[in-house]
């Protein structure tokens, strides 16, 4: 998740991801855009941004349906196939 320190929407997104994480088994990384010039230029007014494999799942507000679907698809693609 791309975020900015002091962003209330970012704090809400982290809390929402944490709740969903308790239900679905996944991890997420917080990336402070202000520590990376290129990320700051790309996401300056769009934080928070949730992405998976460079695909943006949602920005500004938590989109549970998109995130659930992406996690489920990602899990299926990562499972070993016989």
N, C-alpha and C. Protein backbone atom coordinates (compact mmCIF):
# COMPACT_ATOMS: atom_id res chain seq x y z
N UNK A 1 0.84 -1.16 0.00
CA UNK A 1 0.00 0.00 0.00
C UNK A 1 0.89 1.23 0.00
N UNK A 2 0.66 2.12 -0.94
CA UNK A 2 1.37 3.40 -0.99
C UNK A 2 0.62 4.37 -0.10
N UNK A 3 1.37 5.05 0.76
CA UNK A 3 0.72 5.94 1.72
C UNK A 3 1.61 7.16 1.99
N UNK A 4 1.09 8.04 2.79
CA UNK A 4 1.81 9.24 3.24
C UNK A 4 1.56 9.39 4.73
N UNK A 5 2.60 9.68 5.48
CA UNK A 5 2.48 9.90 6.91
C UNK A 5 1.55 11.08 7.16
N UNK A 6 0.62 10.91 8.10
CA UNK A 6 -0.30 11.99 8.45
C UNK A 6 -1.55 12.03 7.60
N UNK A 7 -1.72 11.07 6.72
CA UNK A 7 -2.89 11.01 5.83
C UNK A 7 -3.99 10.21 6.51
N UNK A 8 -5.11 10.85 6.83
CA UNK A 8 -6.19 10.14 7.52
C UNK A 8 -6.83 9.05 6.65
N UNK A 9 -6.90 9.26 5.34
CA UNK A 9 -7.41 8.22 4.46
C UNK A 9 -6.49 7.01 4.45
N UNK A 10 -5.19 7.27 4.55
CA UNK A 10 -4.21 6.18 4.61
C UNK A 10 -4.40 5.37 5.89
N UNK A 11 -4.59 6.05 6.99
CA UNK A 11 -4.82 5.36 8.26
C UNK A 11 -6.07 4.49 8.20
N UNK A 12 -7.12 5.01 7.58
CA UNK A 12 -8.36 4.24 7.43
C UNK A 12 -8.14 3.02 6.54
N UNK A 13 -7.36 3.18 5.48
CA UNK A 13 -7.09 2.08 4.56
C UNK A 13 -6.29 0.98 5.27
N UNK A 14 -5.30 1.37 6.07
CA UNK A 14 -4.51 0.39 6.82
C UNK A 14 -5.42 -0.40 7.76
N UNK A 15 -6.32 0.30 8.46
CA UNK A 15 -7.24 -0.37 9.37
C UNK A 15 -8.15 -1.34 8.62
N UNK A 16 -8.66 -0.93 7.48
CA UNK A 16 -9.54 -1.79 6.68
C UNK A 16 -8.79 -3.01 6.15
N UNK A 17 -7.57 -2.81 5.69
CA UNK A 17 -6.76 -3.94 5.22
C UNK A 17 -6.46 -4.89 6.37
N UNK A 18 -6.19 -4.34 7.54
CA UNK A 18 -5.93 -5.16 8.71
C UNK A 18 -7.11 -6.03 9.08
N UNK A 19 -8.30 -5.48 9.00
CA UNK A 19 -9.51 -6.27 9.29
C UNK A 19 -9.68 -7.38 8.26
N UNK A 20 -9.50 -7.07 7.00
CA UNK A 20 -9.63 -8.07 5.95
C UNK A 20 -8.54 -9.13 6.07
N UNK A 21 -7.36 -8.70 6.49
CA UNK A 21 -6.24 -9.61 6.67
C UNK A 21 -6.55 -10.66 7.74
N UNK A 22 -7.33 -10.29 8.74
CA UNK A 22 -7.73 -11.23 9.76
C UNK A 22 -8.63 -12.33 9.22
N UNK A 23 -9.32 -12.03 8.15
CA UNK A 23 -10.25 -13.00 7.54
C UNK A 23 -9.59 -13.79 6.42
N UNK A 24 -8.81 -13.10 5.60
CA UNK A 24 -8.13 -13.73 4.47
C UNK A 24 -6.64 -13.74 4.79
N UNK A 25 -5.95 -14.76 4.43
CA UNK A 25 -4.54 -14.87 4.76
C UNK A 25 -3.68 -14.17 3.71
N UNK A 26 -3.28 -12.94 3.98
CA UNK A 26 -2.40 -12.20 3.07
C UNK A 26 -1.58 -11.20 3.88
N UNK A 27 -0.51 -10.76 3.29
CA UNK A 27 0.32 -9.73 3.91
C UNK A 27 0.30 -8.50 3.04
N UNK A 28 0.70 -7.39 3.62
CA UNK A 28 0.84 -6.18 2.81
C UNK A 28 1.98 -5.34 3.36
N UNK A 29 2.55 -4.56 2.49
CA UNK A 29 3.69 -3.71 2.82
C UNK A 29 3.26 -2.25 2.70
N UNK A 30 3.70 -1.44 3.64
CA UNK A 30 3.44 -0.01 3.58
C UNK A 30 4.65 0.68 2.95
N UNK A 31 4.40 1.47 1.92
CA UNK A 31 5.47 2.19 1.23
C UNK A 31 5.15 3.68 1.30
N UNK A 32 6.00 4.42 2.00
CA UNK A 32 5.83 5.87 2.16
C UNK A 32 6.29 6.55 0.88
N UNK A 33 5.36 7.12 0.13
CA UNK A 33 5.69 7.73 -1.16
C UNK A 33 6.65 8.91 -1.00
N UNK A 34 6.66 9.55 0.15
CA UNK A 34 7.52 10.71 0.33
C UNK A 34 8.99 10.33 0.51
N UNK A 35 9.27 9.05 0.61
CA UNK A 35 10.66 8.58 0.70
C UNK A 35 11.21 8.20 -0.67
N UNK A 36 10.38 8.28 -1.70
CA UNK A 36 10.76 7.88 -3.05
C UNK A 36 10.25 8.93 -4.03
N UNK A 37 11.16 9.66 -4.63
CA UNK A 37 10.77 10.77 -5.50
C UNK A 37 9.84 10.33 -6.64
N UNK A 38 10.14 9.20 -7.27
CA UNK A 38 9.31 8.75 -8.38
C UNK A 38 7.90 8.38 -7.90
N UNK A 39 7.81 7.71 -6.76
CA UNK A 39 6.49 7.36 -6.22
C UNK A 39 5.71 8.60 -5.81
N UNK A 40 6.41 9.58 -5.26
CA UNK A 40 5.74 10.83 -4.87
C UNK A 40 5.16 11.51 -6.10
N UNK A 41 5.91 11.53 -7.19
CA UNK A 41 5.42 12.14 -8.44
C UNK A 41 4.22 11.36 -8.99
N UNK A 42 4.28 10.03 -8.91
CA UNK A 42 3.22 9.19 -9.48
C UNK A 42 1.94 9.20 -8.65
N UNK A 43 2.07 9.20 -7.31
CA UNK A 43 0.91 9.02 -6.43
C UNK A 43 0.63 10.22 -5.52
N UNK A 44 1.21 11.35 -5.79
CA UNK A 44 1.17 12.50 -4.88
C UNK A 44 -0.23 12.80 -4.34
N UNK A 45 -1.21 12.92 -5.18
CA UNK A 45 -2.56 13.27 -4.73
C UNK A 45 -3.49 12.07 -4.72
N UNK A 46 -2.96 10.88 -4.97
CA UNK A 46 -3.80 9.69 -5.07
C UNK A 46 -3.74 8.78 -3.85
N UNK A 47 -2.92 9.07 -2.86
CA UNK A 47 -2.79 8.17 -1.72
C UNK A 47 -4.06 8.16 -0.89
N UNK A 48 -4.37 7.05 -0.28
CA UNK A 48 -3.66 5.78 -0.33
C UNK A 48 -3.96 5.02 -1.62
N UNK A 49 -3.00 4.18 -2.00
CA UNK A 49 -3.15 3.33 -3.18
C UNK A 49 -2.84 1.90 -2.76
N UNK A 50 -3.74 0.98 -3.06
CA UNK A 50 -3.49 -0.44 -2.83
C UNK A 50 -3.23 -1.06 -4.19
N UNK A 51 -2.08 -1.72 -4.30
CA UNK A 51 -1.70 -2.35 -5.56
C UNK A 51 -1.23 -3.77 -5.30
N UNK A 52 -1.41 -4.61 -6.30
CA UNK A 52 -0.93 -5.98 -6.25
C UNK A 52 -0.26 -6.26 -7.59
N UNK A 53 1.02 -6.60 -7.54
CA UNK A 53 1.78 -6.84 -8.77
C UNK A 53 1.64 -5.68 -9.75
N UNK A 54 1.79 -4.47 -9.26
CA UNK A 54 1.73 -3.24 -10.06
C UNK A 54 0.34 -2.91 -10.61
N UNK A 55 -0.67 -3.68 -10.24
CA UNK A 55 -2.04 -3.37 -10.63
C UNK A 55 -2.71 -2.62 -9.48
N UNK A 56 -3.19 -1.42 -9.75
CA UNK A 56 -3.88 -0.64 -8.73
C UNK A 56 -5.25 -1.24 -8.50
N UNK A 57 -5.50 -1.61 -7.23
CA UNK A 57 -6.79 -2.19 -6.86
C UNK A 57 -7.77 -1.12 -6.39
N UNK A 58 -7.25 -0.12 -5.70
CA UNK A 58 -8.10 0.99 -5.28
C UNK A 58 -7.20 2.14 -4.83
N UNK A 59 -7.75 3.33 -4.89
CA UNK A 59 -7.05 4.49 -4.33
C UNK A 59 -8.09 5.38 -3.66
N UNK A 60 -7.62 6.12 -2.69
CA UNK A 60 -8.43 7.00 -1.85
C UNK A 60 -9.29 6.24 -0.85
N UNK A 61 -10.12 5.31 -1.34
CA UNK A 61 -11.06 4.62 -0.47
C UNK A 61 -10.95 3.11 -0.65
N UNK A 62 -11.22 2.38 0.41
CA UNK A 62 -11.14 0.93 0.45
C UNK A 62 -12.21 0.32 -0.45
N UNK A 63 -11.79 -0.50 -1.40
CA UNK A 63 -12.71 -1.21 -2.29
C UNK A 63 -12.58 -2.70 -1.97
N UNK A 64 -13.35 -3.13 -0.98
CA UNK A 64 -13.22 -4.50 -0.47
C UNK A 64 -13.42 -5.54 -1.57
N UNK A 65 -14.39 -5.34 -2.42
CA UNK A 65 -14.68 -6.32 -3.47
C UNK A 65 -13.48 -6.51 -4.41
N UNK A 66 -12.88 -5.41 -4.85
CA UNK A 66 -11.72 -5.49 -5.74
C UNK A 66 -10.54 -6.17 -5.06
N UNK A 67 -10.33 -5.83 -3.80
CA UNK A 67 -9.20 -6.39 -3.07
C UNK A 67 -9.42 -7.88 -2.83
N UNK A 68 -10.61 -8.27 -2.40
CA UNK A 68 -10.92 -9.69 -2.20
C UNK A 68 -10.69 -10.49 -3.48
N UNK A 69 -11.24 -9.99 -4.57
CA UNK A 69 -11.13 -10.68 -5.85
C UNK A 69 -9.66 -10.83 -6.26
N UNK A 70 -8.88 -9.78 -6.12
CA UNK A 70 -7.47 -9.83 -6.51
C UNK A 70 -6.68 -10.80 -5.65
N UNK A 71 -6.95 -10.82 -4.35
CA UNK A 71 -6.26 -11.74 -3.45
C UNK A 71 -6.61 -13.18 -3.79
N UNK A 72 -7.89 -13.44 -4.03
CA UNK A 72 -8.32 -14.79 -4.38
C UNK A 72 -7.69 -15.25 -5.70
N UNK A 73 -7.69 -14.39 -6.71
CA UNK A 73 -7.09 -14.73 -8.00
C UNK A 73 -5.59 -14.94 -7.85
N UNK A 74 -4.95 -14.08 -7.09
CA UNK A 74 -3.50 -14.19 -6.88
C UNK A 74 -3.18 -15.51 -6.19
N UNK A 75 -3.98 -15.89 -5.21
CA UNK A 75 -3.79 -17.15 -4.51
C UNK A 75 -3.94 -18.34 -5.43
N UNK A 76 -4.93 -18.30 -6.32
CA UNK A 76 -5.13 -19.40 -7.28
C UNK A 76 -3.95 -19.49 -8.23
N UNK A 77 -3.43 -18.35 -8.66
CA UNK A 77 -2.29 -18.34 -9.61
C UNK A 77 -1.00 -18.79 -8.94
N UNK A 78 -0.90 -18.64 -7.62
CA UNK A 78 0.31 -19.02 -6.89
C UNK A 78 0.29 -20.48 -6.45
N UNK A 79 -0.87 -21.11 -6.47
CA UNK A 79 -0.99 -22.51 -6.01
C UNK A 79 -0.29 -23.42 -7.01
N UNK A 80 0.41 -24.43 -6.48
CA UNK A 80 1.06 -25.39 -7.39
C UNK A 80 0.01 -26.19 -8.14
N UNK A 81 0.24 -26.36 -9.41
CA UNK A 81 -0.69 -27.12 -10.25
C UNK A 81 -0.13 -28.52 -10.45
N UNK A 82 -0.94 -29.55 -10.31
CA UNK A 82 -0.46 -30.94 -10.48
C UNK A 82 -0.13 -31.25 -11.93
